[in-house]
C-alpha atoms as a PDB file:
ATOM      1  CA  MET A   1       0.375  13.489   0.491  1.00  0.00           C
ATOM      2  CA  ILE A   2       2.748  12.249   3.175  1.00  0.00           C
ATOM      3  CA  GLY A   3       1.142  13.065   6.500  1.00  0.00           C
ATOM      4  CA  ASP A   4      -2.373  13.251   5.065  1.00  0.00           C
ATOM      5  CA  VAL A   5      -5.104  11.168   6.661  1.00  0.00           C
ATOM      6  CA  VAL A   6      -6.948   9.079   4.054  1.00  0.00           C
ATOM      7  CA  LYS A   7      -9.585   6.379   3.844  1.00  0.00           C
ATOM      8  CA  VAL A   8      -8.593   3.140   2.115  1.00  0.00           C
ATOM      9  CA  ILE A   9     -11.142   0.692   0.744  1.00  0.00           C
ATOM     10  CA  VAL A  10      -9.589  -2.767   1.010  1.00  0.00           C
ATOM     11  CA  ASP A  11     -10.106  -5.033  -1.976  1.00  0.00           C
ATOM     12  CA  ARG A  12      -7.259  -7.422  -1.141  1.00  0.00           C
ATOM     13  CA  PRO A  13      -7.373  -8.121   2.582  1.00  0.00           C
ATOM     14  CA  LEU A  14      -4.540  -9.584   4.594  1.00  0.00           C
ATOM     15  CA  GLY A  15      -4.441 -13.329   3.929  1.00  0.00           C
ATOM     16  CA  SER A  16      -5.895 -13.147   0.404  1.00  0.00           C
ATOM     17  CA  PHE A  17      -4.349 -13.888  -2.980  1.00  0.00           C
ATOM     18  CA  HIS A  18      -4.065 -11.674  -6.059  1.00  0.00           C
ATOM     19  CA  PRO A  19      -7.093 -12.194  -8.335  1.00  0.00           C
ATOM     20  CA  LYS A  20      -4.984 -12.640 -11.510  1.00  0.00           C
ATOM     21  CA  HIS A  21      -1.668 -13.888 -10.117  1.00  0.00           C
ATOM     22  CA  GLU A  22      -2.671 -16.608  -7.684  1.00  0.00           C
ATOM     23  CA  ASP A  23       0.895 -17.078  -6.454  1.00  0.00           C
ATOM     24  CA  ILE A  24       0.931 -13.579  -4.876  1.00  0.00           C
ATOM     25  CA  TYR A  25      -0.206 -13.751  -1.261  1.00  0.00           C
ATOM     26  CA  TYR A  26      -1.115 -10.538   0.602  1.00  0.00           C
ATOM     27  CA  PRO A  27       0.519 -10.453   4.057  1.00  0.00           C
ATOM     28  CA  VAL A  28      -0.891  -6.924   4.535  1.00  0.00           C
ATOM     29  CA  ASN A  29      -4.198  -5.251   3.723  1.00  0.00           C
ATOM     30  CA  TYR A  30      -4.160  -3.562   0.312  1.00  0.00           C
ATOM     31  CA  GLY A  31      -6.692  -1.354  -1.387  1.00  0.00           C
ATOM     32  CA  TYR A  32      -7.349   2.036  -2.904  1.00  0.00           C
ATOM     33  CA  VAL A  33      -8.087   5.608  -1.902  1.00  0.00           C
ATOM     34  CA  PRO A  34     -11.499   6.477  -3.406  1.00  0.00           C
ATOM     35  CA  GLY A  35     -11.619   9.659  -5.462  1.00  0.00           C
ATOM     36  CA  CYS A  36      -7.833   9.965  -5.813  1.00  0.00           C
ATOM     37  CA  VAL A  37      -6.536   9.087  -9.295  1.00  0.00           C
ATOM     38  CA  ALA A  38      -3.052   7.598  -9.690  1.00  0.00           C
ATOM     39  CA  GLY A  39      -0.645   7.655 -12.638  1.00  0.00           C
ATOM     40  CA  ASP A  40      -2.322   4.647 -14.241  1.00  0.00           C
ATOM     41  CA  GLY A  41      -5.698   6.431 -14.410  1.00  0.00           C
ATOM     42  CA  GLU A  42      -7.160   4.208 -11.689  1.00  0.00           C
ATOM     43  CA  GLU A  43      -7.776   5.052  -8.047  1.00  0.00           C
ATOM     44  CA  GLN A  44      -4.649   5.361  -5.914  1.00  0.00           C
ATOM     45  CA  ASP A  45      -3.444   2.028  -4.505  1.00  0.00           C
ATOM     46  CA  ALA A  46      -2.309   1.779  -0.893  1.00  0.00           C
ATOM     47  CA  TYR A  47      -0.672  -0.740   1.385  1.00  0.00           C
ATOM     48  CA  ILE A  48      -1.908  -0.684   4.983  1.00  0.00           C
ATOM     49  CA  LEU A  49       0.772  -1.437   7.557  1.00  0.00           C
ATOM     50  CA  GLY A  50       0.361  -1.853  11.292  1.00  0.00           C
ATOM     51  CA  VAL A  51      -3.003  -3.635  11.131  1.00  0.00           C
ATOM     52  CA  GLY A  52      -2.735  -7.335  11.934  1.00  0.00           C
ATOM     53  CA  GLU A  53      -6.156  -8.528  10.802  1.00  0.00           C
ATOM     54  CA  PRO A  54      -8.163  -8.352   7.573  1.00  0.00           C
ATOM     55  CA  VAL A  55     -10.246  -5.167   7.304  1.00  0.00           C
ATOM     56  CA  GLU A  56     -12.760  -3.858   4.765  1.00  0.00           C
ATOM     57  CA  GLU A  57     -11.713  -0.222   5.093  1.00  0.00           C
ATOM     58  CA  PHE A  58      -9.210   1.782   7.077  1.00  0.00           C
ATOM     59  CA  VAL A  59      -8.564   5.412   7.934  1.00  0.00           C
ATOM     60  CA  GLY A  60      -4.913   6.225   8.562  1.00  0.00           C
ATOM     61  CA  LYS A  61      -1.964   8.447   7.773  1.00  0.00           C
ATOM     62  CA  VAL A  62       0.106   8.278   4.587  1.00  0.00           C
ATOM     63  CA  ILE A  63       3.588   7.561   5.973  1.00  0.00           C
ATOM     64  CA  ALA A  64       5.444   6.891   2.714  1.00  0.00           C
ATOM     65  CA  ILE A  65       5.190   6.724  -1.040  1.00  0.00           C
ATOM     66  CA  ILE A  66       6.676   3.817  -2.937  1.00  0.00           C
ATOM     67  CA  HIS A  67       7.858   5.332  -6.191  1.00  0.00           C
ATOM     68  CA  ARG A  68       8.149   2.763  -8.954  1.00  0.00           C
ATOM     69  CA  LEU A  69      10.924   3.773 -11.317  1.00  0.00           C
ATOM     70  CA  ASP A  70       9.791   1.312 -13.988  1.00  0.00           C
ATOM     71  CA  ASP A  71       6.010   1.778 -13.808  1.00  0.00           C
ATOM     72  CA  VAL A  72       3.462   4.583 -14.271  1.00  0.00           C
ATOM     73  CA  GLU A  73       2.061   4.459 -10.762  1.00  0.00           C
ATOM     74  CA  ASP A  74       3.240   4.912  -7.205  1.00  0.00           C
ATOM     75  CA  LYS A  75       1.861   3.101  -4.163  1.00  0.00           C
ATOM     76  CA  TRP A  76       0.995   4.835  -0.903  1.00  0.00           C
ATOM     77  CA  VAL A  77       1.780   3.348   2.488  1.00  0.00           C
ATOM     78  CA  VAL A  78      -0.912   4.048   5.086  1.00  0.00           C
ATOM     79  CA  ALA A  79      -0.649   3.248   8.790  1.00  0.00           C
ATOM     80  CA  PRO A  80      -2.305   4.102  12.097  1.00  0.00           C
ATOM     81  CA  GLU A  81      -1.551   7.716  13.009  1.00  0.00           C
ATOM     82  CA  ASP A  82       0.714   6.725  15.907  1.00  0.00           C
ATOM     83  CA  ALA A  83       2.680   4.060  13.981  1.00  0.00           C
ATOM     84  CA  ALA A  84       6.242   4.496  12.758  1.00  0.00           C
ATOM     85  CA  PHE A  85       8.161   2.372  10.273  1.00  0.00           C
ATOM     86  CA  THR A  86      11.593   2.734   8.720  1.00  0.00           C
ATOM     87  CA  ALA A  87      12.060   2.469   4.964  1.00  0.00           C
ATOM     88  CA  ASP A  88      13.609  -0.972   5.454  1.00  0.00           C
ATOM     89  CA  GLU A  89      10.641  -2.138   7.535  1.00  0.00           C
ATOM     90  CA  ILE A  90       8.233  -0.876   4.873  1.00  0.00           C
ATOM     91  CA  MET A  91      10.101  -2.621   2.073  1.00  0.00           C
ATOM     92  CA  GLU A  92      10.214  -5.852   4.050  1.00  0.00           C
ATOM     93  CA  GLN A  93       6.413  -5.834   4.376  1.00  0.00           C
ATOM     94  CA  VAL A  94       5.645  -4.935   0.749  1.00  0.00           C
ATOM     95  CA  ALA A  95       8.390  -6.969  -0.944  1.00  0.00           C
ATOM     96  CA  PHE A  96       5.860  -9.675  -1.843  1.00  0.00           C
ATOM     97  CA  GLN A  97       4.722  -7.364  -4.664  1.00  0.00           C
ATOM     98  CA  GLU A  98       7.350  -4.639  -4.952  1.00  0.00           C
ATOM     99  CA  ARG A  99      10.156  -7.135  -5.603  1.00  0.00           C
ATOM    100  CA  PHE A 100       8.974  -7.164  -9.221  1.00  0.00           C
ATOM    101  CA  PHE A 101       9.706  -3.433  -9.651  1.00  0.00           C
ATOM    102  CA  GLN A 102      12.548  -0.967  -9.234  1.00  0.00           C
ATOM    103  CA  THR A 103      11.415   1.199  -6.359  1.00  0.00           C
ATOM    104  CA  GLU A 104      12.447   3.898  -3.953  1.00  0.00           C
ATOM    105  CA  ILE A 105      10.641   4.815  -0.770  1.00  0.00           C
ATOM    106  CA  ARG A 106       9.901   8.451  -0.136  1.00  0.00           C
ATOM    107  CA  MET A 107       9.149   9.407   3.444  1.00  0.00           C
END
């Protein structure tokens, strides 16, 4: 998966709040990869990094996988094809949600 170019449909755009947990603010675009099923039986979730405005969909490269050690699903990290982020930079941007889980970043 890492290195693959995928399309993400954004259902939680940058600047929005989680529909069930109203205290979780999305500082990045977040959505799902249509047609790709994750460990929870739902479509694969993805964070979009490197895009500074809300978008409805995005095509980019999978640059990392956030493996949740205490959950059934992983999260993909998608970015523009020419973007580069370190594991620390990724975690800093997704900590708003990933702080609730034990995770490791695979790059």
